[in-house]
Amino acid sequence: MIRKASAEGDSTLEWFKSSYSDSSNSSECVEVASAPGTVHVRDSKNAQGPRVAFAPGAWADFVSYAAGH
């Protein structure tokens, strides 16, 4: 995980929800945005709230793990 007080270039990030998101229950979704060297994740209900940033390899490992569970 990358720890920064403020994610660089927040205004230029293009956020998206997974195609697996349940549109009937919008309270259970995260959004993801890629930037060079970083993958940002936030709660879709609180777009201005806290975010976490991961190195691309760490994010890929997480997605691979989550897909198997």
Protein backbone atom coordinates (compact mmCIF):
# COMPACT_ATOMS: atom_id res chain seq x y z
CA MET A 1 0.00 0.00 0.00
CA ILE A 2 1.22 3.50 -0.73
CA ARG A 3 0.73 6.02 2.07
CA LYS A 4 0.33 9.64 1.02
CA ALA A 5 -1.48 12.50 2.70
CA SER A 6 -3.06 13.39 -0.62
CA ALA A 7 -3.16 11.36 -3.80
CA GLU A 8 -1.32 13.09 -6.61
CA GLY A 9 -3.48 14.41 -9.44
CA ASP A 10 -6.81 13.57 -7.76
CA SER A 11 -8.70 15.87 -10.12
CA THR A 12 -7.40 13.99 -13.17
CA LEU A 13 -8.21 10.49 -11.96
CA GLU A 14 -10.86 8.62 -13.92
CA TRP A 15 -12.84 6.50 -11.46
CA PHE A 16 -14.82 3.42 -12.44
CA LYS A 17 -16.88 0.72 -10.76
CA SER A 18 -16.46 -2.95 -11.44
CA SER A 19 -18.79 -4.54 -13.95
CA TYR A 20 -19.56 -6.97 -11.12
CA SER A 21 -21.04 -4.18 -8.96
CA ASP A 22 -24.61 -4.84 -7.89
CA SER A 23 -26.57 -1.87 -9.24
CA SER A 24 -29.53 -2.80 -7.03
CA ASN A 25 -27.41 -2.21 -3.91
CA SER A 26 -25.25 0.87 -4.41
CA SER A 27 -24.12 0.79 -0.78
CA GLU A 28 -21.68 -2.04 -1.46
CA CYS A 29 -19.30 -0.73 -4.08
CA VAL A 30 -15.81 0.60 -4.43
CA GLU A 31 -14.37 2.64 -7.28
CA VAL A 32 -10.89 2.30 -8.75
CA ALA A 33 -8.67 4.72 -10.68
CA SER A 34 -5.27 4.04 -12.21
CA ALA A 35 -2.41 6.49 -12.34
CA PRO A 36 1.20 5.86 -13.34
CA GLY A 37 2.63 3.63 -10.62
CA THR A 38 -0.49 3.71 -8.41
CA VAL A 39 -3.97 2.19 -8.20
CA HIS A 40 -6.40 4.30 -6.11
CA VAL A 41 -9.46 2.83 -4.36
CA ARG A 42 -12.36 4.68 -2.70
CA ASP A 43 -15.86 4.05 -1.37
CA SER A 44 -18.39 4.97 -4.07
CA LYS A 45 -20.79 6.39 -1.44
CA ASN A 46 -18.18 8.86 -0.19
CA ALA A 47 -16.22 10.05 -3.21
CA GLN A 48 -14.57 12.87 -1.25
CA GLY A 49 -13.71 10.62 1.68
CA PRO A 50 -10.62 8.58 2.43
CA ARG A 51 -8.82 6.65 -0.29
CA VAL A 52 -6.12 4.04 -0.35
CA ALA A 53 -3.42 3.73 -2.98
CA PHE A 54 -1.62 0.54 -3.96
CA ALA A 55 1.40 -0.25 -6.05
CA PRO A 56 0.20 -1.97 -9.24
CA GLY A 57 1.76 -5.30 -8.25
CA ALA A 58 0.05 -5.26 -4.84
CA TRP A 59 -3.30 -4.47 -6.48
CA ALA A 60 -2.84 -7.28 -9.02
CA ASP A 61 -2.04 -9.71 -6.19
CA PHE A 62 -5.17 -8.61 -4.29
CA VAL A 63 -7.43 -8.95 -7.33
CA SER A 64 -6.03 -12.42 -8.07
CA TYR A 65 -6.58 -13.48 -4.45
CA ALA A 66 -10.10 -11.99 -4.28
CA ALA A 67 -11.11 -13.69 -7.55
CA GLY A 68 -10.31 -17.06 -5.99
CA HIS A 69 -12.43 -16.53 -2.89
